[in-house]
Amino acid sequence: MHSIVTFIAVCALLAGSQGVRAADPPHAASRGQTWDSIKRLPDWSGVWAPSRPQLPRNPVSNSGFVFGGDVPLKPKYAAIRDERMAAVRGERGRDKIPLSNSGLCLPNGTPANMGPVAHEYLFSPGRVTILLENSEIRRIWTDGRPHVPTDLANPSFSGDSIGHWEGDTLVVDTVNIFPEAELYIGGRVTEQTRVSERITRVGNRMRIETVVEDPELFAKPWVYTRWYDHENGPPIDYNSCTEGDRAKKGEETLLNIDFTAPKEGQQK
């Protein structure tokens, strides 16, 4: 009888220890690859609106952060930035020059799209989706996949983003960004642009630490941190753009993008 009781007790102990191990999320699940594991990720619900810090200004171009005033551009591209801002101010005999892609109802693209607008985060297995107030969408794959191979890459305004979780921080790496996307208002990326981000909730604020690298454009990596304030209001009311909207925004060639429809039998 004593041996039977001992056997039952040992079985109960083993069953209990297995239950404890099962409750411990495996490493893969901690990356948000299942609906159950998403419950253990940090709470990023709600709307995150840009904080309004005191922005640095470039004494030469008189342009602030959003206009590229503090970007470590090589001299050639710094001159292009300054010349464009002079044209925007009406100092080159032209007017109606849009400040950015959004002036023609085009996506700002990564990394500029994370700047002046609010955004939301959606978690789903193997992916974090960012919905931006200007109707742009970023998809960050967290399922362990690598970047798309160069020979199969199809650049987009938002780029090819993969990420992983380090504790409560989402680490994101973005490449294959369409060259018409913007670094800042009025400045564009190249095929060599790479954007690295560390996204962390700190109390009631979101911190995004960003490093932008591009050996063609920069004398050194562009490093900056942006902060966003949490809002408990309704979901973002997204804007929408149509081809008709674009046609109303001004001359179609101001950003060197030709919207003219090809003639029949011709290819653009």
C-alpha atoms as a PDB file:
ATOM      1  CA  MET A   1       0.000   0.000   0.000  1.00  0.00           C
ATOM      2  CA  HIS A   2       2.809   2.371   0.913  1.00  0.00           C
ATOM      3  CA  SER A   3       4.474   1.837  -2.507  1.00  0.00           C
ATOM      4  CA  ILE A   4       1.210   2.650  -4.313  1.00  0.00           C
ATOM      5  CA  VAL A   5       0.803   5.904  -2.391  1.00  0.00           C
ATOM      6  CA  THR A   6       4.427   6.817  -3.130  1.00  0.00           C
ATOM      7  CA  PHE A   7       3.933   6.112  -6.829  1.00  0.00           C
ATOM      8  CA  ILE A   8       0.825   8.328  -6.975  1.00  0.00           C
ATOM      9  CA  ALA A   9       2.673  11.142  -5.184  1.00  0.00           C
ATOM     10  CA  VAL A  10       5.601  10.979  -7.602  1.00  0.00           C
ATOM     11  CA  CYS A  11       3.236  11.036 -10.605  1.00  0.00           C
ATOM     12  CA  ALA A  12       1.466  14.090  -9.192  1.00  0.00           C
ATOM     13  CA  LEU A  13       4.807  15.852  -8.656  1.00  0.00           C
ATOM     14  CA  LEU A  14       5.923  15.143 -12.244  1.00  0.00           C
ATOM     15  CA  ALA A  15       2.610  16.319 -13.652  1.00  0.00           C
ATOM     16  CA  GLY A  16       2.869  19.528 -11.646  1.00  0.00           C
ATOM     17  CA  SER A  17       6.433  20.218 -12.814  1.00  0.00           C
ATOM     18  CA  GLN A  18       5.412  19.639 -16.434  1.00  0.00           C
ATOM     19  CA  GLY A  19       2.596  22.128 -15.975  1.00  0.00           C
ATOM     20  CA  VAL A  20       5.063  24.759 -14.770  1.00  0.00           C
ATOM     21  CA  ARG A  21       7.316  24.175 -17.773  1.00  0.00           C
ATOM     22  CA  ALA A  22       4.370  24.420 -20.175  1.00  0.00           C
ATOM     23  CA  ALA A  23       3.409  27.811 -18.724  1.00  0.00           C
ATOM     24  CA  ASP A  24       6.909  29.102 -19.443  1.00  0.00           C
ATOM     25  CA  PRO A  25       6.834  30.568 -22.998  1.00  0.00           C
ATOM     26  CA  PRO A  26       9.494  29.118 -25.296  1.00  0.00           C
ATOM     27  CA  HIS A  27      11.975  31.490 -26.939  1.00  0.00           C
ATOM     28  CA  ALA A  28      10.173  31.491 -30.310  1.00  0.00           C
ATOM     29  CA  ALA A  29       6.819  32.354 -28.746  1.00  0.00           C
ATOM     30  CA  SER A  30       8.364  35.314 -26.922  1.00  0.00           C
ATOM     31  CA  ARG A  31       8.905  36.878 -30.339  1.00  0.00           C
ATOM     32  CA  GLY A  32       5.166  37.202 -30.916  1.00  0.00           C
ATOM     33  CA  GLN A  33       4.795  34.315 -33.342  1.00  0.00           C
ATOM     34  CA  THR A  34       1.526  33.022 -31.831  1.00  0.00           C
ATOM     35  CA  TRP A  35      -1.636  34.748 -30.619  1.00  0.00           C
ATOM     36  CA  ASP A  36      -0.984  33.428 -27.123  1.00  0.00           C
ATOM     37  CA  SER A  37       2.553  34.804 -27.030  1.00  0.00           C
ATOM     38  CA  ILE A  38       1.308  38.220 -28.190  1.00  0.00           C
ATOM     39  CA  LYS A  39      -0.419  38.536 -24.814  1.00  0.00           C
ATOM     40  CA  ARG A  40       3.048  38.615 -23.238  1.00  0.00           C
ATOM     41  CA  LEU A  41       4.341  41.424 -25.455  1.00  0.00           C
ATOM     42  CA  PRO A  42       4.340  45.022 -24.136  1.00  0.00           C
ATOM     43  CA  ASP A  43       1.095  46.978 -24.381  1.00  0.00           C
ATOM     44  CA  TRP A  44       1.454  49.386 -27.313  1.00  0.00           C
ATOM     45  CA  SER A  45      -2.265  49.938 -27.836  1.00  0.00           C
ATOM     46  CA  GLY A  46      -3.677  53.385 -28.492  1.00  0.00           C
ATOM     47  CA  VAL A  47      -2.417  56.259 -30.603  1.00  0.00           C
ATOM     48  CA  TRP A  48       1.144  57.602 -30.398  1.00  0.00           C
ATOM     49  CA  ALA A  49       1.449  61.266 -31.358  1.00  0.00           C
ATOM     50  CA  PRO A  50       4.791  62.998 -32.014  1.00  0.00           C
ATOM     51  CA  SER A  51       6.202  64.956 -29.108  1.00  0.00           C
ATOM     52  CA  ARG A  52       7.198  68.519 -29.888  1.00  0.00           C
ATOM     53  CA  PRO A  53      10.827  68.907 -28.831  1.00  0.00           C
ATOM     54  CA  GLN A  54      12.949  71.967 -29.495  1.00  0.00           C
ATOM     55  CA  LEU A  55      14.342  71.120 -32.921  1.00  0.00           C
ATOM     56  CA  PRO A  56      17.899  72.044 -33.960  1.00  0.00           C
ATOM     57  CA  ARG A  57      18.349  74.437 -36.832  1.00  0.00           C
ATOM     58  CA  ASN A  58      21.079  74.640 -39.436  1.00  0.00           C
ATOM     59  CA  PRO A  59      22.558  78.173 -39.368  1.00  0.00           C
ATOM     60  CA  VAL A  60      23.403  77.998 -43.092  1.00  0.00           C
ATOM     61  CA  SER A  61      20.190  76.601 -44.546  1.00  0.00           C
ATOM     62  CA  ASN A  62      18.003  77.848 -41.652  1.00  0.00           C
ATOM     63  CA  SER A  63      16.225  74.510 -41.827  1.00  0.00           C
ATOM     64  CA  GLY A  64      15.142  72.508 -38.804  1.00  0.00           C
ATOM     65  CA  PHE A  65      15.280  68.794 -38.100  1.00  0.00           C
ATOM     66  CA  VAL A  66      12.363  67.819 -40.362  1.00  0.00           C
ATOM     67  CA  PHE A  67      13.997  69.661 -43.275  1.00  0.00           C
ATOM     68  CA  GLY A  68      17.356  67.931 -42.875  1.00  0.00           C
ATOM     69  CA  GLY A  69      19.134  70.711 -41.033  1.00  0.00           C
ATOM     70  CA  ASP A  70      21.099  68.338 -38.800  1.00  0.00           C
ATOM     71  CA  VAL A  71      21.648  65.481 -41.266  1.00  0.00           C
ATOM     72  CA  PRO A  72      25.379  64.697 -41.799  1.00  0.00           C
ATOM     73  CA  LEU A  73      25.148  64.951 -45.583  1.00  0.00           C
ATOM     74  CA  LYS A  74      28.205  64.985 -47.795  1.00  0.00           C
ATOM     75  CA  PRO A  75      28.874  68.469 -49.247  1.00  0.00           C
ATOM     76  CA  LYS A  76      27.287  67.654 -52.621  1.00  0.00           C
ATOM     77  CA  TYR A  77      23.968  66.645 -51.046  1.00  0.00           C
ATOM     78  CA  ALA A  78      24.041  69.386 -48.426  1.00  0.00           C
ATOM     79  CA  ALA A  79      24.249  71.894 -51.296  1.00  0.00           C
ATOM     80  CA  ILE A  80      21.274  70.247 -53.015  1.00  0.00           C
ATOM     81  CA  ARG A  81      19.275  70.466 -49.772  1.00  0.00           C
ATOM     82  CA  ASP A  82      20.104  74.140 -49.273  1.00  0.00           C
ATOM     83  CA  GLU A  83      19.322  75.012 -52.898  1.00  0.00           C
ATOM     84  CA  ARG A  84      15.968  73.272 -52.709  1.00  0.00           C
ATOM     85  CA  MET A  85      14.999  75.060 -49.502  1.00  0.00           C
ATOM     86  CA  ALA A  86      15.913  78.371 -51.136  1.00  0.00           C
ATOM     87  CA  ALA A  87      13.556  77.497 -54.016  1.00  0.00           C
ATOM     88  CA  VAL A  88      10.796  76.555 -51.559  1.00  0.00           C
ATOM     89  CA  ARG A  89      11.207  79.972 -49.908  1.00  0.00           C
ATOM     90  CA  GLY A  90      10.672  81.613 -53.310  1.00  0.00           C
ATOM     91  CA  GLU A  91      14.271  82.763 -53.712  1.00  0.00           C
ATOM     92  CA  ARG A  92      14.765  81.119 -57.120  1.00  0.00           C
ATOM     93  CA  GLY A  93      11.895  82.672 -59.033  1.00  0.00           C
ATOM     94  CA  ARG A  94       9.522  79.716 -58.658  1.00  0.00           C
ATOM     95  CA  ASP A  95       6.463  79.184 -56.525  1.00  0.00           C
ATOM     96  CA  LYS A  96       4.052  76.353 -55.691  1.00  0.00           C
ATOM     97  CA  ILE A  97       6.950  74.042 -54.932  1.00  0.00           C
ATOM     98  CA  PRO A  98       5.732  71.242 -52.624  1.00  0.00           C
ATOM     99  CA  LEU A  99       7.749  70.753 -49.469  1.00  0.00           C
ATOM    100  CA  SER A 100       7.630  66.981 -49.737  1.00  0.00           C
ATOM    101  CA  ASN A 101       6.113  63.923 -51.405  1.00  0.00           C
ATOM    102  CA  SER A 102       2.922  64.547 -49.457  1.00  0.00           C
ATOM    103  CA  GLY A 103       2.607  67.791 -51.404  1.00  0.00           C
ATOM    104  CA  LEU A 104       1.749  65.589 -54.380  1.00  0.00           C
ATOM    105  CA  CYS A 105      -0.223  63.082 -52.323  1.00  0.00           C
ATOM    106  CA  LEU A 106       2.602  60.533 -52.535  1.00  0.00           C
ATOM    107  CA  PRO A 107       3.890  58.407 -49.641  1.00  0.00           C
ATOM    108  CA  ASN A 108       6.703  59.952 -47.629  1.00  0.00           C
ATOM    109  CA  GLY A 109       8.246  56.522 -47.186  1.00  0.00           C
ATOM    110  CA  THR A 110      10.760  55.266 -44.632  1.00  0.00           C
ATOM    111  CA  PRO A 111      12.230  56.885 -42.580  1.00  0.00           C
ATOM    112  CA  ALA A 112      10.432  60.241 -43.006  1.00  0.00           C
ATOM    113  CA  ASN A 113       6.993  58.657 -42.525  1.00  0.00           C
ATOM    114  CA  MET A 114       7.709  58.181 -38.795  1.00  0.00           C
ATOM    115  CA  GLY A 115       8.254  61.901 -38.279  1.00  0.00           C
ATOM    116  CA  PRO A 116       5.409  64.400 -38.227  1.00  0.00           C
ATOM    117  CA  VAL A 117       2.320  62.138 -37.906  1.00  0.00           C
ATOM    118  CA  ALA A 118       0.674  59.963 -35.256  1.00  0.00           C
ATOM    119  CA  HIS A 119       0.588  56.190 -35.584  1.00  0.00           C
ATOM    120  CA  GLU A 120      -0.769  52.936 -34.140  1.00  0.00           C
ATOM    121  CA  TYR A 121       0.683  49.431 -33.696  1.00  0.00           C
ATOM    122  CA  LEU A 122      -1.104  46.191 -34.529  1.00  0.00           C
ATOM    123  CA  PHE A 123       0.340  42.869 -33.339  1.00  0.00           C
ATOM    124  CA  SER A 124      -0.363  39.645 -35.224  1.00  0.00           C
ATOM    125  CA  PRO A 125       1.587  36.358 -35.273  1.00  0.00           C
ATOM    126  CA  GLY A 126       4.991  36.972 -36.836  1.00  0.00           C
ATOM    127  CA  ARG A 127       4.309  40.593 -37.726  1.00  0.00           C
ATOM    128  CA  VAL A 128       3.992  44.093 -36.297  1.00  0.00           C
ATOM    129  CA  THR A 129       2.012  46.511 -38.466  1.00  0.00           C
ATOM    130  CA  ILE A 130       2.292  50.275 -38.077  1.00  0.00           C
ATOM    131  CA  LEU A 131      -0.657  52.366 -39.280  1.00  0.00           C
ATOM    132  CA  LEU A 132       0.308  55.986 -39.877  1.00  0.00           C
ATOM    133  CA  GLU A 133      -1.991  58.993 -39.861  1.00  0.00           C
ATOM    134  CA  ASN A 134      -1.082  59.852 -43.459  1.00  0.00           C
ATOM    135  CA  SER A 135      -2.447  56.466 -44.659  1.00  0.00           C
ATOM    136  CA  GLU A 136       0.968  54.833 -44.989  1.00  0.00           C
ATOM    137  CA  ILE A 137       1.474  51.302 -43.643  1.00  0.00           C
ATOM    138  CA  ARG A 138       4.648  49.600 -42.422  1.00  0.00           C
ATOM    139  CA  ARG A 139       4.854  45.809 -42.081  1.00  0.00           C
ATOM    140  CA  ILE A 140       7.635  44.533 -39.829  1.00  0.00           C
ATOM    141  CA  TRP A 141       8.157  40.761 -40.052  1.00  0.00           C
ATOM    142  CA  THR A 142       9.122  39.144 -36.738  1.00  0.00           C
ATOM    143  CA  ASP A 143       8.835  35.491 -37.828  1.00  0.00           C
ATOM    144  CA  GLY A 144      12.569  35.009 -38.322  1.00  0.00           C
ATOM    145  CA  ARG A 145      12.665  35.481 -42.076  1.00  0.00           C
ATOM    146  CA  PRO A 146      15.699  37.217 -43.641  1.00  0.00           C
ATOM    147  CA  HIS A 147      15.538  40.174 -45.995  1.00  0.00           C
ATOM    148  CA  VAL A 148      14.401  39.458 -49.535  1.00  0.00           C
ATOM    149  CA  PRO A 149      17.459  38.523 -51.657  1.00  0.00           C
ATOM    150  CA  THR A 150      18.803  41.380 -53.740  1.00  0.00           C
ATOM    151  CA  ASP A 151      17.965  39.689 -57.033  1.00  0.00           C
ATOM    152  CA  LEU A 152      14.326  39.275 -55.936  1.00  0.00           C
ATOM    153  CA  ALA A 153      13.911  42.615 -54.176  1.00  0.00           C
ATOM    154  CA  ASN A 154      11.021  44.866 -55.141  1.00  0.00           C
ATOM    155  CA  PRO A 155      11.721  48.233 -53.450  1.00  0.00           C
ATOM    156  CA  SER A 156       8.761  50.024 -51.885  1.00  0.00           C
ATOM    157  CA  PHE A 157       8.185  53.334 -50.108  1.00  0.00           C
ATOM    158  CA  SER A 158       8.066  51.568 -46.728  1.00  0.00           C
ATOM    159  CA  GLY A 159      10.937  49.181 -47.552  1.00  0.00           C
ATOM    160  CA  ASP A 160      11.563  45.587 -46.502  1.00  0.00           C
ATOM    161  CA  SER A 161      11.465  45.516 -42.685  1.00  0.00           C
ATOM    162  CA  ILE A 162      12.377  42.584 -40.456  1.00  0.00           C
ATOM    163  CA  GLY A 163      12.502  42.704 -36.681  1.00  0.00           C
ATOM    164  CA  HIS A 164      12.937  40.809 -33.449  1.00  0.00           C
ATOM    165  CA  TRP A 165      12.207  41.399 -29.789  1.00  0.00           C
ATOM    166  CA  GLU A 166      14.948  42.130 -27.268  1.00  0.00           C
ATOM    167  CA  GLY A 167      12.999  42.175 -24.029  1.00  0.00           C
ATOM    168  CA  ASP A 168      10.317  44.848 -24.485  1.00  0.00           C
ATOM    169  CA  THR A 169      12.200  46.552 -27.333  1.00  0.00           C
ATOM    170  CA  LEU A 170      11.346  45.880 -30.979  1.00  0.00           C
ATOM    171  CA  VAL A 171      14.541  45.983 -33.069  1.00  0.00           C
ATOM    172  CA  VAL A 172      13.867  46.741 -36.749  1.00  0.00           C
ATOM    173  CA  ASP A 173      16.106  46.682 -39.826  1.00  0.00           C
ATOM    174  CA  THR A 174      14.829  48.148 -43.110  1.00  0.00           C
ATOM    175  CA  VAL A 175      16.366  47.971 -46.589  1.00  0.00           C
ATOM    176  CA  ASN A 176      15.103  47.911 -50.202  1.00  0.00           C
ATOM    177  CA  ILE A 177      13.525  51.348 -49.928  1.00  0.00           C
ATOM    178  CA  PHE A 178      12.170  52.915 -53.124  1.00  0.00           C
ATOM    179  CA  PRO A 179      14.501  55.813 -54.115  1.00  0.00           C
ATOM    180  CA  GLU A 180      11.563  58.258 -54.228  1.00  0.00           C
ATOM    181  CA  ALA A 181      11.033  57.793 -50.466  1.00  0.00           C
ATOM    182  CA  GLU A 182      12.149  60.618 -48.200  1.00  0.00           C
ATOM    183  CA  LEU A 183      14.803  60.875 -45.513  1.00  0.00           C
ATOM    184  CA  TYR A 184      13.341  64.159 -44.343  1.00  0.00           C
ATOM    185  CA  ILE A 185      11.052  66.718 -45.963  1.00  0.00           C
ATOM    186  CA  GLY A 186      12.479  67.279 -49.428  1.00  0.00           C
ATOM    187  CA  GLY A 187      15.415  64.832 -49.210  1.00  0.00           C
ATOM    188  CA  ARG A 188      15.400  61.359 -50.711  1.00  0.00           C
ATOM    189  CA  VAL A 189      16.945  58.015 -49.937  1.00  0.00           C
ATOM    190  CA  THR A 190      19.057  55.968 -52.349  1.00  0.00           C
ATOM    191  CA  GLU A 191      19.238  52.251 -53.070  1.00  0.00           C
ATOM    192  CA  GLN A 192      21.956  52.039 -50.404  1.00  0.00           C
ATOM    193  CA  THR A 193      19.904  53.489 -47.534  1.00  0.00           C
ATOM    194  CA  ARG A 194      19.522  51.276 -44.464  1.00  0.00           C
ATOM    195  CA  VAL A 195      17.361  52.212 -41.459  1.00  0.00           C
ATOM    196  CA  SER A 196      17.807  50.604 -38.023  1.00  0.00           C
ATOM    197  CA  GLU A 197      15.295  51.303 -35.246  1.00  0.00           C
ATOM    198  CA  ARG A 198      14.846  50.371 -31.586  1.00  0.00           C
ATOM    199  CA  ILE A 199      11.246  50.956 -30.486  1.00  0.00           C
ATOM    200  CA  THR A 200      10.561  50.973 -26.735  1.00  0.00           C
ATOM    201  CA  ARG A 201       7.662  52.112 -24.573  1.00  0.00           C
ATOM    202  CA  VAL A 202       8.904  54.220 -21.671  1.00  0.00           C
ATOM    203  CA  GLY A 203       6.029  54.966 -19.306  1.00  0.00           C
ATOM    204  CA  ASN A 204       3.407  56.864 -21.265  1.00  0.00           C
ATOM    205  CA  ARG A 205       5.766  57.642 -24.127  1.00  0.00           C
ATOM    206  CA  MET A 206       7.260  55.722 -27.038  1.00  0.00           C
ATOM    207  CA  ARG A 207      10.940  56.115 -27.840  1.00  0.00           C
ATOM    208  CA  ILE A 208      12.284  55.303 -31.309  1.00  0.00           C
ATOM    209  CA  GLU A 209      16.068  55.346 -31.591  1.00  0.00           C
ATOM    210  CA  THR A 210      17.067  55.479 -35.254  1.00  0.00           C
ATOM    211  CA  VAL A 211      20.290  55.040 -37.181  1.00  0.00           C
ATOM    212  CA  VAL A 212      20.214  55.769 -40.934  1.00  0.00           C
ATOM    213  CA  GLU A 213      23.202  54.637 -42.974  1.00  0.00           C
ATOM    214  CA  ASP A 214      23.986  55.469 -46.599  1.00  0.00           C
ATOM    215  CA  PRO A 215      27.578  55.630 -47.865  1.00  0.00           C
ATOM    216  CA  GLU A 216      26.460  57.652 -50.882  1.00  0.00           C
ATOM    217  CA  LEU A 217      24.668  60.406 -48.950  1.00  0.00           C
ATOM    218  CA  PHE A 218      26.240  60.645 -45.502  1.00  0.00           C
ATOM    219  CA  ALA A 219      29.641  61.570 -44.140  1.00  0.00           C
ATOM    220  CA  LYS A 220      28.715  59.425 -41.116  1.00  0.00           C
ATOM    221  CA  PRO A 221      25.561  57.587 -39.957  1.00  0.00           C
ATOM    222  CA  TRP A 222      22.617  59.821 -39.121  1.00  0.00           C
ATOM    223  CA  VAL A 223      21.616  59.051 -35.519  1.00  0.00           C
ATOM    224  CA  TYR A 224      18.552  60.514 -33.830  1.00  0.00           C
ATOM    225  CA  THR A 225      15.821  59.718 -31.278  1.00  0.00           C
ATOM    226  CA  ARG A 226      12.154  60.629 -31.564  1.00  0.00           C
ATOM    227  CA  TRP A 227       9.540  60.544 -28.814  1.00  0.00           C
ATOM    228  CA  TYR A 228       5.787  60.006 -29.083  1.00  0.00           C
ATOM    229  CA  ASP A 229       3.080  60.658 -26.482  1.00  0.00           C
ATOM    230  CA  HIS A 230       0.358  58.120 -25.735  1.00  0.00           C
ATOM    231  CA  GLU A 231      -3.227  59.179 -26.436  1.00  0.00           C
ATOM    232  CA  ASN A 232      -6.363  57.338 -25.371  1.00  0.00           C
ATOM    233  CA  GLY A 233      -8.587  58.919 -28.000  1.00  0.00           C
ATOM    234  CA  PRO A 234     -10.351  57.212 -30.904  1.00  0.00           C
ATOM    235  CA  PRO A 235      -8.379  55.425 -33.644  1.00  0.00           C
ATOM    236  CA  ILE A 236      -6.598  57.596 -36.174  1.00  0.00           C
ATOM    237  CA  ASP A 237      -8.814  59.056 -38.895  1.00  0.00           C
ATOM    238  CA  TYR A 238      -6.709  58.145 -41.926  1.00  0.00           C
ATOM    239  CA  ASN A 239      -6.382  60.390 -44.941  1.00  0.00           C
ATOM    240  CA  SER A 240      -6.780  59.018 -48.433  1.00  0.00           C
ATOM    241  CA  CYS A 241      -5.337  60.158 -51.735  1.00  0.00           C
ATOM    242  CA  THR A 242      -6.579  59.570 -55.256  1.00  0.00           C
ATOM    243  CA  GLU A 243      -5.041  60.260 -58.644  1.00  0.00           C
ATOM    244  CA  GLY A 244      -7.404  63.216 -58.845  1.00  0.00           C
ATOM    245  CA  ASP A 245      -5.947  64.604 -55.623  1.00  0.00           C
ATOM    246  CA  ARG A 246      -2.439  64.308 -57.045  1.00  0.00           C
ATOM    247  CA  ALA A 247      -3.411  66.216 -60.162  1.00  0.00           C
ATOM    248  CA  LYS A 248      -4.565  69.141 -58.013  1.00  0.00           C
ATOM    249  CA  LYS A 249      -1.339  69.457 -56.070  1.00  0.00           C
ATOM    250  CA  GLY A 250       0.653  71.415 -58.630  1.00  0.00           C
ATOM    251  CA  GLU A 251       2.979  70.776 -61.516  1.00  0.00           C
ATOM    252  CA  GLU A 252       3.584  67.085 -62.041  1.00  0.00           C
ATOM    253  CA  THR A 253       7.339  67.500 -62.571  1.00  0.00           C
ATOM    254  CA  LEU A 254       8.186  69.461 -59.422  1.00  0.00           C
ATOM    255  CA  LEU A 255       9.537  66.360 -57.693  1.00  0.00           C
ATOM    256  CA  ASN A 256      10.953  64.949 -60.935  1.00  0.00           C
ATOM    257  CA  ILE A 257       8.198  62.323 -61.027  1.00  0.00           C
ATOM    258  CA  ASP A 258       6.369  62.125 -64.343  1.00  0.00           C
ATOM    259  CA  PHE A 259       2.692  61.233 -63.980  1.00  0.00           C
ATOM    260  CA  THR A 260       1.920  61.674 -67.680  1.00  0.00           C
ATOM    261  CA  ALA A 261       0.111  58.611 -69.014  1.00  0.00           C
ATOM    262  CA  PRO A 262       2.009  56.868 -71.831  1.00  0.00           C
ATOM    263  CA  LYS A 263       0.581  57.011 -75.314  1.00  0.00           C
ATOM    264  CA  GLU A 264      -1.042  53.913 -76.658  1.00  0.00           C
ATOM    265  CA  GLY A 265       1.569  51.332 -77.644  1.00  0.00           C
ATOM    266  CA  GLN A 266       4.297  53.038 -75.599  1.00  0.00           C
ATOM    267  CA  GLN A 267       5.815  51.980 -72.317  1.00  0.00           C
ATOM    268  CA  LYS A 268       6.918  54.393 -69.629  1.00  0.00           C
END
